[in-house]
N, C-alpha and C. Protein backbone atom coordinates (compact mmCIF):
# COMPACT_ATOMS: atom_id res chain seq x y z
N MET A 1 -2.17 -6.23 -9.42
CA MET A 1 -2.37 -4.63 -9.74
C MET A 1 -1.70 -4.00 -8.93
N LYS A 2 -1.56 -4.23 -7.22
CA LYS A 2 -1.28 -3.40 -6.56
C LYS A 2 0.40 -2.98 -6.63
N LEU A 3 1.02 -4.53 -7.11
CA LEU A 3 2.65 -4.26 -7.62
C LEU A 3 2.82 -3.39 -8.56
N MET A 4 1.76 -3.38 -9.75
CA MET A 4 2.04 -2.31 -10.64
C MET A 4 2.25 -1.03 -10.25
N LEU A 5 0.92 -0.82 -9.28
CA LEU A 5 0.82 0.58 -8.69
C LEU A 5 1.91 0.87 -7.85
N ALA A 6 2.47 0.15 -7.24
CA ALA A 6 3.48 0.58 -6.22
C ALA A 6 4.59 0.84 -7.28
N SER A 7 4.77 0.18 -8.09
CA SER A 7 6.03 0.22 -9.18
C SER A 7 5.81 1.47 -9.59
N SER A 8 4.82 2.00 -10.07
CA SER A 8 4.75 3.01 -10.73
C SER A 8 4.87 4.55 -9.75
N LEU A 9 4.00 4.23 -8.75
CA LEU A 9 4.57 5.46 -7.60
C LEU A 9 5.93 5.84 -7.60
N LEU A 10 6.83 4.43 -7.21
CA LEU A 10 8.14 4.40 -7.04
C LEU A 10 8.99 5.58 -8.26
N PHE A 11 8.53 4.96 -9.56
CA PHE A 11 9.18 5.55 -10.52
C PHE A 11 8.56 7.18 -10.61
N LEU A 12 7.55 7.33 -10.03
CA LEU A 12 6.95 8.70 -10.11
C LEU A 12 7.83 10.03 -9.07
N ALA A 13 7.94 8.97 -8.00
CA ALA A 13 9.17 9.63 -6.94
C ALA A 13 10.06 9.94 -7.35
N ILE A 14 10.84 9.03 -8.23
CA ILE A 14 12.45 9.17 -8.52
C ILE A 14 12.61 10.15 -9.52
N PHE A 15 11.35 10.03 -10.87
CA PHE A 15 11.52 10.93 -11.65
C PHE A 15 11.20 12.31 -11.53
N GLY A 16 9.99 12.40 -10.94
CA GLY A 16 8.89 13.59 -10.65
C GLY A 16 8.80 13.86 -12.33
N CYS A 17 8.74 15.18 -12.44
CA CYS A 17 8.34 15.82 -13.70
C CYS A 17 9.90 16.45 -14.37
N GLY A 18 11.06 15.90 -14.09
CA GLY A 18 12.07 16.50 -14.75
C GLY A 18 12.58 16.37 -16.01
N PRO A 19 13.56 17.18 -16.45
CA PRO A 19 13.67 17.25 -18.35
C PRO A 19 14.43 16.14 -18.43
N ALA A 20 14.44 15.67 -19.48
CA ALA A 20 14.89 14.67 -20.24
C ALA A 20 15.12 15.09 -21.87
N ALA A 21 15.75 14.82 -22.61
CA ALA A 21 16.22 15.49 -24.09
C ALA A 21 15.69 14.20 -24.88
N VAL A 22 15.16 14.59 -26.31
CA VAL A 22 14.91 13.37 -27.22
C VAL A 22 16.79 12.88 -27.77
N ALA A 23 16.46 11.47 -27.75
CA ALA A 23 17.82 11.00 -28.22
C ALA A 23 17.72 9.96 -29.36
N PRO A 24 18.76 10.21 -30.20
CA PRO A 24 18.55 9.35 -31.40
C PRO A 24 18.20 7.70 -31.07
N GLY A 25 19.09 7.07 -30.18
CA GLY A 25 18.99 5.88 -29.74
C GLY A 25 17.51 5.61 -29.46
N MET A 26 17.13 6.26 -28.23
CA MET A 26 15.65 5.87 -28.01
C MET A 26 14.85 6.10 -28.79
N THR A 27 14.78 7.22 -29.91
CA THR A 27 13.85 7.21 -30.83
C THR A 27 13.83 5.89 -31.76
N PHE A 28 15.07 5.72 -32.01
CA PHE A 28 15.09 4.21 -32.74
C PHE A 28 14.34 3.20 -32.16
N TRP A 29 14.63 3.11 -30.77
CA TRP A 29 13.86 2.05 -29.98
C TRP A 29 12.42 2.06 -30.09
N PHE A 30 12.02 3.13 -29.97
CA PHE A 30 10.72 3.56 -30.29
C PHE A 30 10.35 3.34 -31.61
N GLY A 31 10.83 3.28 -32.43
CA GLY A 31 10.24 2.98 -33.92
C GLY A 31 10.53 1.45 -33.98
N LEU A 32 11.39 0.71 -33.36
CA LEU A 32 11.28 -0.75 -33.29
C LEU A 32 10.39 -1.40 -32.79
N LYS A 33 9.87 -0.73 -31.73
CA LYS A 33 8.79 -1.18 -30.57
C LYS A 33 7.28 -0.95 -31.53
N GLY A 34 7.08 0.14 -32.56
CA GLY A 34 6.28 0.39 -33.18
C GLY A 34 5.80 -0.66 -34.25
N TYR A 35 7.07 -0.70 -34.99
CA TYR A 35 7.25 -1.88 -36.02
C TYR A 35 6.89 -3.23 -35.24
N GLN A 36 7.21 -3.77 -34.04
CA GLN A 36 7.01 -4.84 -33.76
C GLN A 36 5.14 -4.77 -33.25
N ASP A 37 4.54 -3.77 -32.87
CA ASP A 37 3.16 -3.51 -32.89
C ASP A 37 2.59 -3.93 -33.86
N GLU A 38 3.03 -2.80 -34.75
CA GLU A 38 2.34 -2.85 -35.91
C GLU A 38 2.04 -4.26 -36.83
N MET A 39 3.07 -4.80 -36.77
CA MET A 39 3.49 -6.00 -37.65
C MET A 39 2.39 -7.23 -36.50
N ASN A 40 2.24 -7.27 -35.52
CA ASN A 40 1.52 -8.19 -34.78
C ASN A 40 0.09 -7.83 -34.84
N LEU A 41 -0.33 -6.36 -35.12
CA LEU A 41 -1.77 -5.92 -35.62
C LEU A 41 -2.03 -6.37 -37.36
N LEU A 42 -1.06 -6.71 -37.71
CA LEU A 42 -1.27 -7.13 -39.39
C LEU A 42 -0.90 -8.37 -39.48
N ALA A 43 -0.90 -9.30 -38.62
CA ALA A 43 -0.52 -10.70 -38.46
C ALA A 43 -1.51 -11.49 -38.83
N GLY A 44 -1.55 -12.65 -40.27
CA GLY A 44 -3.06 -13.24 -40.27
C GLY A 44 -3.55 -12.33 -41.15
N ARG A 45 -3.25 -11.68 -42.10
CA ARG A 45 -3.78 -10.91 -42.85
C ARG A 45 -3.09 -10.76 -43.88
N PRO A 46 -3.29 -11.83 -45.01
CA PRO A 46 -2.28 -11.78 -46.06
C PRO A 46 -2.60 -11.01 -47.12
N GLU A 47 -3.97 -10.00 -46.67
CA GLU A 47 -4.01 -9.24 -47.99
C GLU A 47 -3.90 -7.71 -47.43
N ARG A 48 -2.82 -7.51 -46.07
CA ARG A 48 -2.47 -6.42 -45.74
C ARG A 48 -1.04 -6.16 -46.09
N TRP A 49 -0.51 -6.75 -47.19
CA TRP A 49 1.00 -6.50 -47.84
C TRP A 49 1.42 -5.47 -47.76
N PRO A 50 0.66 -4.66 -48.40
CA PRO A 50 1.30 -3.12 -48.64
C PRO A 50 1.51 -2.29 -47.12
N GLU A 51 0.66 -2.86 -46.42
CA GLU A 51 0.84 -1.79 -45.14
C GLU A 51 2.12 -2.61 -44.51
N ARG A 52 2.19 -3.81 -44.29
CA ARG A 52 3.82 -4.45 -44.09
C ARG A 52 4.75 -4.02 -44.53
N GLN A 53 4.58 -3.70 -46.10
CA GLN A 53 5.79 -3.07 -46.72
C GLN A 53 6.16 -1.60 -46.43
N ARG A 54 4.98 -0.91 -46.21
CA ARG A 54 5.09 0.45 -45.92
C ARG A 54 5.84 0.76 -44.24
N THR A 55 5.26 -0.25 -43.49
CA THR A 55 5.68 -0.33 -41.99
C THR A 55 7.06 -0.66 -41.83
N ALA A 56 7.74 -1.44 -42.82
CA ALA A 56 9.10 -2.27 -43.00
C ALA A 56 9.95 -0.94 -43.90
N GLU A 57 9.47 -0.47 -44.63
CA GLU A 57 10.10 1.06 -45.40
C GLU A 57 10.42 2.11 -44.06
N SER A 58 9.24 2.04 -43.30
CA SER A 58 9.24 3.47 -42.39
C SER A 58 10.41 3.07 -41.09
N LEU A 59 10.49 1.71 -40.64
CA LEU A 59 11.58 1.66 -39.70
C LEU A 59 12.76 1.70 -40.56
N LYS A 60 13.01 1.19 -41.53
CA LYS A 60 14.40 1.76 -42.35
C LYS A 60 14.92 3.12 -42.55
N THR A 61 13.75 3.95 -42.59
CA THR A 61 13.57 5.28 -42.49
C THR A 61 14.06 6.02 -41.28
N THR A 62 13.68 5.29 -40.06
CA THR A 62 13.54 5.90 -38.79
C THR A 62 15.10 5.36 -38.10
N HIS A 63 15.89 4.40 -38.64
CA HIS A 63 17.28 3.94 -38.28
C HIS A 63 17.98 4.89 -39.24
N GLY A 64 17.76 5.31 -40.53
CA GLY A 64 18.95 5.77 -41.32
C GLY A 64 18.86 7.62 -40.70
N LEU A 65 17.59 7.86 -40.22
CA LEU A 65 17.31 9.24 -39.84
C LEU A 65 17.92 9.50 -38.12
N THR A 66 17.97 8.27 -37.39
CA THR A 66 18.70 8.06 -35.77
C THR A 66 19.89 8.07 -35.98
N LEU A 67 20.37 6.74 -36.37
CA LEU A 67 21.63 6.08 -36.57
C LEU A 67 22.56 6.20 -37.64
N GLY A 68 21.79 6.52 -38.71
CA GLY A 68 22.72 6.05 -40.19
C GLY A 68 22.04 5.11 -41.04
N VAL A 69 22.38 5.27 -42.21
CA VAL A 69 22.05 4.12 -43.12
C VAL A 69 22.96 3.06 -42.93
N SER A 70 22.34 1.78 -42.74
CA SER A 70 23.09 0.88 -42.65
C SER A 70 22.48 -0.19 -43.58
N ARG A 71 23.62 -0.81 -44.64
CA ARG A 71 22.86 -2.07 -45.37
C ARG A 71 22.58 -3.10 -44.76
N GLU A 72 23.03 -3.09 -44.02
CA GLU A 72 22.86 -4.54 -42.88
C GLU A 72 21.55 -4.42 -42.49
N PHE A 73 21.18 -3.45 -41.74
CA PHE A 73 19.97 -3.26 -40.83
C PHE A 73 19.12 -3.26 -42.11
N ASN A 74 18.63 -2.76 -43.15
CA ASN A 74 18.08 -2.57 -44.47
C ASN A 74 17.51 -4.00 -44.85
N ARG A 75 19.02 -4.76 -44.91
CA ARG A 75 18.65 -6.20 -45.34
C ARG A 75 18.29 -7.42 -44.34
N PHE A 76 18.14 -6.52 -43.01
CA PHE A 76 17.48 -7.56 -41.76
C PHE A 76 16.14 -7.50 -41.88
N VAL A 77 15.85 -6.17 -42.31
CA VAL A 77 14.24 -5.73 -42.20
C VAL A 77 13.59 -6.42 -43.21
N ASP A 78 14.27 -6.50 -44.47
CA ASP A 78 13.85 -7.11 -45.82
C ASP A 78 13.65 -8.37 -45.85
N LEU A 79 14.62 -9.08 -44.88
CA LEU A 79 14.31 -10.72 -44.74
C LEU A 79 13.08 -10.76 -43.52
N ASP A 80 12.89 -9.92 -42.58
CA ASP A 80 12.17 -10.10 -41.67
C ASP A 80 10.72 -10.21 -42.20
N LEU A 81 10.38 -9.18 -43.28
CA LEU A 81 8.99 -8.85 -44.21
C LEU A 81 8.99 -10.14 -45.06
N ARG A 82 10.24 -10.78 -45.50
CA ARG A 82 9.82 -11.84 -46.55
C ARG A 82 9.61 -13.39 -45.42
N ARG A 83 9.88 -13.20 -44.29
CA ARG A 83 9.72 -14.44 -43.32
C ARG A 83 8.41 -14.27 -43.25
N LYS A 84 7.62 -13.27 -42.84
CA LYS A 84 6.32 -12.96 -42.25
C LYS A 84 5.50 -13.51 -43.52
N GLU A 85 5.69 -12.83 -44.58
CA GLU A 85 5.04 -13.36 -45.78
C GLU A 85 4.88 -14.72 -46.01
N PHE A 86 6.28 -15.56 -46.11
CA PHE A 86 6.07 -16.79 -46.24
C PHE A 86 5.40 -17.42 -44.85
N THR A 87 5.38 -17.18 -43.94
CA THR A 87 5.00 -17.48 -42.77
C THR A 87 3.39 -17.70 -43.01
N LEU A 88 2.90 -16.42 -43.61
CA LEU A 88 1.25 -16.24 -44.16
C LEU A 88 1.05 -17.46 -44.88
N ALA A 89 1.58 -17.67 -45.82
CA ALA A 89 1.52 -18.75 -46.90
C ALA A 89 1.55 -20.01 -46.51
N LEU A 90 2.42 -20.23 -45.43
CA LEU A 90 2.28 -21.82 -44.94
C LEU A 90 1.35 -21.98 -44.35
N ARG A 91 0.65 -20.96 -43.50
CA ARG A 91 -0.52 -20.73 -42.91
C ARG A 91 -1.85 -21.08 -43.57
N GLY A 92 -1.71 -20.69 -44.64
CA GLY A 92 -3.00 -20.93 -45.56
C GLY A 92 -3.47 -22.10 -45.76
N GLY A 93 -2.52 -23.16 -45.96
CA GLY A 93 -2.91 -24.57 -46.13
C GLY A 93 -3.01 -24.86 -47.47
N THR A 94 -2.83 -24.16 -48.61
CA THR A 94 -3.10 -24.27 -49.88
C THR A 94 -1.82 -24.48 -50.77
N LEU A 95 -0.53 -24.91 -50.29
CA LEU A 95 0.05 -24.99 -51.08
C LEU A 95 0.65 -26.53 -51.00
N ARG A 96 0.85 -27.06 -52.07
CA ARG A 96 1.58 -28.16 -52.37
C ARG A 96 2.70 -28.85 -51.40
N PRO A 97 2.84 -30.02 -51.31
CA PRO A 97 3.99 -30.54 -50.12
C PRO A 97 5.33 -30.27 -50.46
N GLU A 98 5.80 -30.17 -51.81
CA GLU A 98 7.07 -30.03 -52.18
C GLU A 98 6.96 -28.37 -51.91
N ARG A 99 6.09 -27.40 -52.06
CA ARG A 99 6.53 -25.91 -52.23
C ARG A 99 6.35 -25.94 -50.66
N VAL A 100 5.76 -26.40 -50.16
CA VAL A 100 5.83 -26.32 -48.26
C VAL A 100 7.30 -26.71 -47.89
N GLN A 101 7.77 -27.79 -48.31
CA GLN A 101 9.08 -27.92 -48.23
C GLN A 101 10.34 -27.06 -48.75
N GLU A 102 10.03 -26.79 -49.51
CA GLU A 102 11.10 -25.41 -50.15
C GLU A 102 10.86 -24.28 -49.30
N MET A 103 9.66 -24.14 -48.64
CA MET A 103 9.39 -22.62 -48.16
C MET A 103 10.16 -22.65 -46.70
N ASN A 104 9.96 -23.90 -46.22
CA ASN A 104 10.89 -24.27 -44.90
C ASN A 104 12.03 -24.64 -44.75
N ASN A 105 12.43 -24.65 -45.87
CA ASN A 105 14.01 -24.77 -46.20
C ASN A 105 14.29 -23.15 -46.13
N GLU A 106 13.96 -22.65 -47.21
CA GLU A 106 13.92 -21.10 -47.16
C GLU A 106 14.00 -20.43 -45.80
N LEU A 107 12.98 -20.72 -44.94
CA LEU A 107 12.99 -19.90 -44.00
C LEU A 107 13.80 -20.23 -42.99
N ALA A 108 14.23 -21.31 -43.09
CA ALA A 108 15.69 -21.72 -42.13
C ALA A 108 16.77 -20.72 -42.59
N ILE A 109 17.19 -20.48 -43.89
CA ILE A 109 18.17 -19.84 -44.31
C ILE A 109 17.90 -18.31 -43.73
N VAL A 110 16.68 -17.70 -44.23
CA VAL A 110 16.46 -16.60 -43.54
C VAL A 110 16.78 -16.33 -42.03
N ASN A 111 16.21 -17.31 -41.43
CA ASN A 111 16.47 -17.39 -39.67
C ASN A 111 17.94 -17.20 -39.40
N ARG A 112 18.77 -17.90 -40.46
CA ARG A 112 20.50 -17.96 -39.98
C ARG A 112 20.82 -16.63 -40.24
N GLU A 113 20.43 -16.18 -41.51
CA GLU A 113 20.80 -14.82 -41.90
C GLU A 113 20.47 -13.70 -41.29
N MET A 114 19.13 -13.81 -40.54
CA MET A 114 18.90 -12.48 -39.55
C MET A 114 19.70 -12.94 -38.39
N GLY A 115 20.03 -14.04 -38.02
CA GLY A 115 20.96 -14.10 -36.76
C GLY A 115 22.15 -13.58 -37.09
N ARG A 116 22.80 -13.77 -37.86
CA ARG A 116 24.23 -12.99 -38.61
C ARG A 116 24.15 -11.74 -38.57
N LEU A 117 23.10 -11.24 -39.29
CA LEU A 117 23.12 -9.85 -39.15
C LEU A 117 22.80 -9.19 -37.70
N ASN A 118 21.66 -9.65 -36.94
CA ASN A 118 21.58 -9.12 -35.95
C ASN A 118 22.80 -8.73 -35.17
N GLU A 119 23.86 -9.81 -35.10
CA GLU A 119 25.11 -9.47 -34.35
C GLU A 119 26.04 -8.36 -34.66
N ILE A 120 25.87 -8.30 -36.14
CA ILE A 120 26.51 -7.16 -36.62
C ILE A 120 25.76 -5.69 -36.38
N ILE A 121 24.69 -5.77 -36.45
CA ILE A 121 23.65 -4.49 -36.20
C ILE A 121 23.95 -4.14 -34.71
N LYS A 122 23.74 -4.99 -33.61
CA LYS A 122 24.01 -4.49 -32.41
C LYS A 122 25.35 -4.00 -32.27
N GLU A 123 26.55 -4.38 -33.20
CA GLU A 123 27.72 -3.58 -32.72
C GLU A 123 27.55 -2.35 -33.30
N GLN A 124 26.88 -2.14 -34.81
CA GLN A 124 26.56 -0.77 -35.08
C GLN A 124 26.17 -0.20 -34.50
N VAL A 125 25.02 -0.38 -33.81
CA VAL A 125 24.01 0.65 -32.81
C VAL A 125 24.92 0.83 -31.57
N ALA A 126 25.57 -0.15 -31.05
CA ALA A 126 26.44 0.18 -29.75
C ALA A 126 27.34 1.35 -29.92
N ASP A 127 28.30 1.03 -31.25
CA ASP A 127 29.35 2.35 -31.56
C ASP A 127 28.71 3.42 -31.96
N ALA A 128 27.18 3.52 -32.62
CA ALA A 128 27.01 4.98 -32.49
C ALA A 128 26.56 5.58 -31.60
N ILE A 129 26.09 5.11 -30.67
CA ILE A 129 25.50 5.39 -29.63
C ILE A 129 26.77 5.98 -28.57
N LEU A 130 27.70 5.02 -28.75
CA LEU A 130 29.00 5.69 -27.59
C LEU A 130 29.40 6.63 -28.36
N ARG A 131 29.61 6.72 -29.61
CA ARG A 131 30.27 8.02 -30.19
C ARG A 131 29.54 9.10 -29.82
N SER A 132 28.31 9.29 -29.77
CA SER A 132 27.38 10.34 -29.54
C SER A 132 27.18 10.36 -28.00
N GLN A 133 27.90 9.84 -27.10
CA GLN A 133 27.54 9.61 -25.78
C GLN A 133 28.18 11.18 -25.11
N VAL A 134 27.10 11.64 -24.25
CA VAL A 134 27.33 12.67 -23.37
C VAL A 134 28.26 12.05 -22.06
N PRO A 135 29.21 12.44 -21.47
CA PRO A 135 29.59 11.75 -20.55
C PRO A 135 28.93 11.38 -19.18
N VAL A 136 28.18 12.75 -19.21
CA VAL A 136 27.34 12.56 -17.85
C VAL A 136 25.91 11.64 -17.91
N GLN A 137 26.11 11.02 -19.08
CA GLN A 137 24.96 10.41 -19.37
C GLN A 137 25.09 8.89 -19.46
N ARG A 138 26.34 8.63 -19.14
CA ARG A 138 26.68 7.22 -19.27
C ARG A 138 25.80 6.17 -18.75
N ILE A 139 24.99 6.37 -17.82
CA ILE A 139 23.84 5.19 -17.66
C ILE A 139 22.68 4.90 -18.60
N GLU A 140 22.57 6.17 -18.99
CA GLU A 140 21.61 6.22 -20.20
C GLU A 140 21.86 5.75 -21.47
N ALA A 141 23.02 6.03 -21.72
CA ALA A 141 23.89 5.08 -23.00
C ALA A 141 23.68 3.73 -23.14
N ILE A 142 24.07 3.18 -21.56
CA ILE A 142 24.19 2.07 -21.48
C ILE A 142 23.02 0.87 -21.54
N ALA A 143 21.99 1.95 -20.96
CA ALA A 143 20.32 1.32 -20.94
C ALA A 143 20.11 1.52 -22.41
N THR A 144 20.10 2.61 -22.91
CA THR A 144 19.73 2.41 -24.59
C THR A 144 20.36 1.35 -25.21
N ILE A 145 21.64 1.04 -25.26
CA ILE A 145 22.15 0.05 -25.82
C ILE A 145 21.83 -1.51 -25.54
N GLY A 146 21.36 -1.70 -24.24
CA GLY A 146 20.63 -2.87 -23.83
C GLY A 146 19.07 -2.81 -24.41
N LEU A 147 18.41 -1.90 -24.29
CA LEU A 147 17.18 -1.91 -24.61
C LEU A 147 17.06 -2.47 -26.02
N LEU A 148 18.04 -1.85 -26.83
CA LEU A 148 17.96 -1.82 -28.61
C LEU A 148 18.41 -2.93 -28.66
N HIS A 149 19.49 -3.93 -27.92
CA HIS A 149 19.76 -5.29 -28.44
C HIS A 149 18.72 -6.13 -28.20
N LEU A 150 17.75 -6.07 -26.68
CA LEU A 150 16.77 -6.78 -26.33
C LEU A 150 15.80 -6.52 -27.65
N ALA A 151 15.24 -5.57 -28.21
CA ALA A 151 14.34 -5.55 -29.36
C ALA A 151 15.18 -5.90 -30.47
N LEU A 152 16.01 -5.76 -30.82
CA LEU A 152 16.59 -6.30 -32.02
C LEU A 152 16.42 -7.94 -31.92
N ASP A 153 16.72 -8.31 -31.04
CA ASP A 153 16.88 -10.12 -30.55
C ASP A 153 15.52 -10.58 -30.84
N GLY A 154 14.29 -9.87 -30.57
CA GLY A 154 13.05 -10.17 -30.24
C GLY A 154 12.51 -10.25 -31.70
N ILE A 155 13.01 -9.52 -32.54
CA ILE A 155 12.72 -9.48 -34.17
C ILE A 155 13.40 -10.69 -34.57
N ALA A 156 14.69 -10.66 -34.41
CA ALA A 156 15.30 -11.75 -34.81
C ALA A 156 14.82 -13.18 -34.51
N THR A 157 14.45 -13.28 -33.27
CA THR A 157 13.86 -14.77 -32.88
C THR A 157 12.69 -14.76 -33.14
N SER A 158 11.80 -14.14 -33.45
CA SER A 158 10.51 -13.95 -33.25
C SER A 158 9.66 -15.35 -34.28
N ASN A 159 10.11 -15.64 -35.42
CA ASN A 159 9.62 -16.53 -36.21
C ASN A 159 10.74 -18.00 -35.95
N THR A 160 11.67 -18.04 -34.68
CA THR A 160 12.40 -19.16 -34.97
C THR A 160 11.71 -20.47 -33.92
N GLY A 161 10.71 -20.35 -33.32
CA GLY A 161 10.43 -21.29 -32.86
C GLY A 161 11.26 -21.49 -31.44
N SER A 162 11.72 -20.52 -30.82
CA SER A 162 12.93 -20.88 -29.95
C SER A 162 11.80 -20.26 -28.57
N THR A 163 12.80 -20.15 -27.57
CA THR A 163 12.41 -19.66 -26.24
C THR A 163 11.92 -18.10 -26.42
N PRO A 164 10.68 -17.94 -25.77
CA PRO A 164 10.43 -16.16 -25.87
C PRO A 164 12.03 -15.12 -25.54
N ALA A 165 11.87 -14.32 -26.01
CA ALA A 165 13.23 -13.08 -26.16
C ALA A 165 13.10 -12.77 -24.50
N ALA A 166 14.52 -12.69 -24.51
CA ALA A 166 15.15 -12.63 -22.91
C ALA A 166 14.58 -11.34 -22.67
N LEU A 167 14.30 -10.90 -21.09
CA LEU A 167 13.94 -9.44 -20.81
C LEU A 167 15.56 -8.66 -20.15
N SER A 168 16.59 -9.60 -20.09
CA SER A 168 17.82 -8.59 -19.53
C SER A 168 18.64 -9.30 -20.52
N THR A 169 19.84 -8.31 -20.55
CA THR A 169 20.92 -8.62 -21.64
C THR A 169 22.16 -7.65 -20.76
N LYS A 170 23.34 -8.32 -21.58
CA LYS A 170 24.76 -7.77 -20.99
C LYS A 170 25.13 -6.76 -21.71
N VAL A 171 25.27 -5.38 -21.30
CA VAL A 171 26.47 -4.53 -22.03
C VAL A 171 27.88 -4.07 -21.03
N GLY A 172 28.52 -4.87 -21.75
CA GLY A 172 29.78 -4.93 -20.65
C GLY A 172 29.46 -5.56 -19.64
N GLN A 173 29.84 -5.12 -18.25
CA GLN A 173 29.77 -5.55 -17.11
C GLN A 173 28.48 -5.24 -16.31
N HIS A 174 27.63 -4.54 -17.20
CA HIS A 174 26.46 -3.83 -16.77
C HIS A 174 25.30 -4.96 -17.45
N THR A 175 23.97 -5.21 -16.29
CA THR A 175 23.02 -5.78 -16.88
C THR A 175 21.63 -4.94 -16.84
N VAL A 176 21.32 -4.80 -18.45
CA VAL A 176 20.14 -4.15 -18.51
C VAL A 176 18.87 -4.70 -18.52
N THR A 177 17.79 -4.54 -17.77
CA THR A 177 16.57 -5.15 -18.04
C THR A 177 15.45 -4.51 -18.27
N ASP A 178 14.51 -4.66 -19.11
CA ASP A 178 13.24 -4.48 -19.62
C ASP A 178 12.30 -4.61 -18.62
N LEU A 179 11.55 -3.84 -17.77
CA LEU A 179 10.74 -3.95 -17.27
C LEU A 179 9.50 -3.52 -17.55
N GLY A 180 9.04 -3.51 -18.83
CA GLY A 180 7.83 -2.91 -19.42
C GLY A 180 7.30 -1.70 -19.11
N ASN A 181 6.28 -1.27 -19.95
CA ASN A 181 5.64 -0.07 -19.40
C ASN A 181 6.59 1.32 -19.60
N HIS A 182 7.68 1.07 -20.65
CA HIS A 182 8.54 1.82 -20.94
C HIS A 182 9.33 1.98 -19.76
N ARG A 183 9.48 1.19 -18.64
CA ARG A 183 10.60 1.30 -17.57
C ARG A 183 11.75 0.33 -17.71
N SER A 184 12.70 0.55 -17.38
CA SER A 184 14.13 -0.67 -17.41
C SER A 184 14.96 -0.29 -15.88
N SER A 185 15.85 -1.20 -16.16
CA SER A 185 16.57 -0.82 -15.08
C SER A 185 18.17 -1.23 -15.67
N VAL A 186 19.44 -0.60 -14.89
CA VAL A 186 20.67 -1.07 -14.90
C VAL A 186 21.52 -1.52 -13.93
N THR A 187 21.90 -2.63 -14.14
CA THR A 187 22.64 -3.56 -12.70
C THR A 187 23.91 -2.93 -12.93
N LEU A 188 24.69 -2.19 -12.15
CA LEU A 188 25.95 -1.83 -12.08
C LEU A 188 26.81 -3.33 -11.31
N PRO A 189 28.42 -3.09 -11.85
CA PRO A 189 28.83 -4.47 -11.16
C PRO A 189 29.00 -4.57 -9.62
N ASP A 190 29.01 -3.40 -9.23
CA ASP A 190 28.71 -3.52 -7.31
C ASP A 190 27.59 -3.62 -7.02
N ARG A 191 26.42 -4.12 -7.91
CA ARG A 191 25.08 -4.05 -7.52
C ARG A 191 23.96 -3.06 -7.54
N ALA A 192 24.65 -2.11 -7.60
CA ALA A 192 23.74 -0.53 -7.51
C ALA A 192 22.73 -1.08 -8.71
N VAL A 193 21.74 -0.24 -8.69
CA VAL A 193 20.97 -0.80 -9.44
C VAL A 193 20.22 0.94 -9.84
N TYR A 194 20.10 1.45 -11.25
CA TYR A 194 19.64 2.35 -11.67
C TYR A 194 18.33 2.11 -12.39
N LEU A 195 17.32 3.15 -11.94
CA LEU A 195 16.01 2.86 -12.53
C LEU A 195 16.00 3.66 -13.73
N CYS A 196 15.03 3.57 -15.05
CA CYS A 196 15.38 4.28 -15.91
C CYS A 196 13.91 4.49 -16.28
N LEU A 197 13.42 5.44 -16.86
CA LEU A 197 12.34 5.36 -17.54
C LEU A 197 12.51 6.37 -18.95
N THR A 198 11.49 5.52 -19.94
CA THR A 198 11.68 6.05 -21.28
C THR A 198 10.43 7.12 -21.57
N LEU A 199 10.90 8.41 -21.93
CA LEU A 199 9.67 9.49 -22.26
C LEU A 199 9.77 9.78 -23.72
N ILE A 200 8.46 9.56 -24.03
CA ILE A 200 7.95 9.79 -25.39
C ILE A 200 7.65 11.43 -25.80
N PHE A 201 8.14 12.02 -26.82
CA PHE A 201 7.55 13.23 -26.90
C PHE A 201 7.15 13.27 -28.40
N PRO A 202 5.52 13.31 -28.32
CA PRO A 202 5.05 13.62 -29.77
C PRO A 202 5.61 14.26 -30.56
N ASP A 203 5.61 13.69 -31.69
CA ASP A 203 6.30 14.29 -32.89
C ASP A 203 7.57 14.75 -32.92
N GLU A 204 8.49 14.21 -32.16
CA GLU A 204 9.71 14.50 -31.79
C GLU A 204 10.61 13.44 -31.61
N GLY A 205 10.36 12.21 -30.78
CA GLY A 205 11.26 11.22 -30.51
C GLY A 205 11.08 10.71 -29.30
N ALA A 206 11.96 10.23 -28.62
CA ALA A 206 11.98 9.40 -27.20
C ALA A 206 12.96 9.77 -26.67
N GLY A 207 13.05 9.75 -25.18
CA GLY A 207 14.43 10.09 -24.44
C GLY A 207 14.47 9.05 -23.62
N ILE A 208 15.56 8.95 -22.46
CA ILE A 208 15.71 8.07 -21.26
C ILE A 208 15.99 8.51 -20.22
N LYS A 209 15.57 8.69 -19.05
CA LYS A 209 16.16 9.29 -17.95
C LYS A 209 16.56 8.16 -16.80
N CYS A 210 17.63 7.98 -16.24
CA CYS A 210 17.93 7.16 -15.23
C CYS A 210 18.57 7.85 -14.05
N GLU A 211 17.98 6.99 -13.15
CA GLU A 211 18.31 7.69 -11.50
C GLU A 211 18.41 6.57 -10.51
N LEU A 212 19.56 6.85 -9.45
CA LEU A 212 19.48 6.03 -8.48
C LEU A 212 17.96 6.18 -7.47
N PRO A 213 17.70 4.91 -6.92
CA PRO A 213 16.46 5.44 -6.19
C PRO A 213 16.71 6.06 -4.68
N PRO A 214 15.76 6.78 -4.55
CA PRO A 214 15.99 7.89 -3.54
C PRO A 214 16.52 7.01 -2.11
N GLY A 215 17.79 7.86 -1.26
CA GLY A 215 18.45 6.75 -0.44
C GLY A 215 19.66 5.99 -1.09
N LYS A 216 19.85 6.13 -2.23
CA LYS A 216 20.79 5.17 -2.92
C LYS A 216 22.02 5.71 -3.34
N THR A 217 21.83 7.29 -3.26
CA THR A 217 23.19 8.06 -3.90
C THR A 217 24.36 8.19 -3.21
């Protein structure tokens, strides 16, 4: 608790109440996190199928409005929705053994396809953000790409039985780390570390602001 408080005070000291703009990439990231949270709330409830479907369609709409329509991303979301329904059916314990085997085989195919699509989508996301990048916000662009990659990886591997999703990823020669609670960091090749804060603007979207800690500029 003391460490969390100290960390929060550090971020407050760095960022204060300075301005930050709504950014398409971070707005999409916020949509991805909302999708994951909503799907977790609906997990284990087969009868909530319509709500899961609406949540999936909402995420596809968010992607289209922020980064542009992507057939690969739409397919990725559809497969994730299908995978969730298969998992619920398998947990029900009412299927015939042969049907269980069929569904497990289909899930393996879905997992592989989602992994393939995820790599394509991550390239699309990076290209879209870099095309719209403001030069003075280079670190923010790197942080956004990293956070989106981590969120996409979390969805792609959420049902594969693999190790928990990583909290850090490489973006070129930079390392982006998700610190939780809307905080993140970008470590440069020279080991300088920018601390970043995601800012939520109700009914508008999200943005991100990155700064070197005091005394490190």
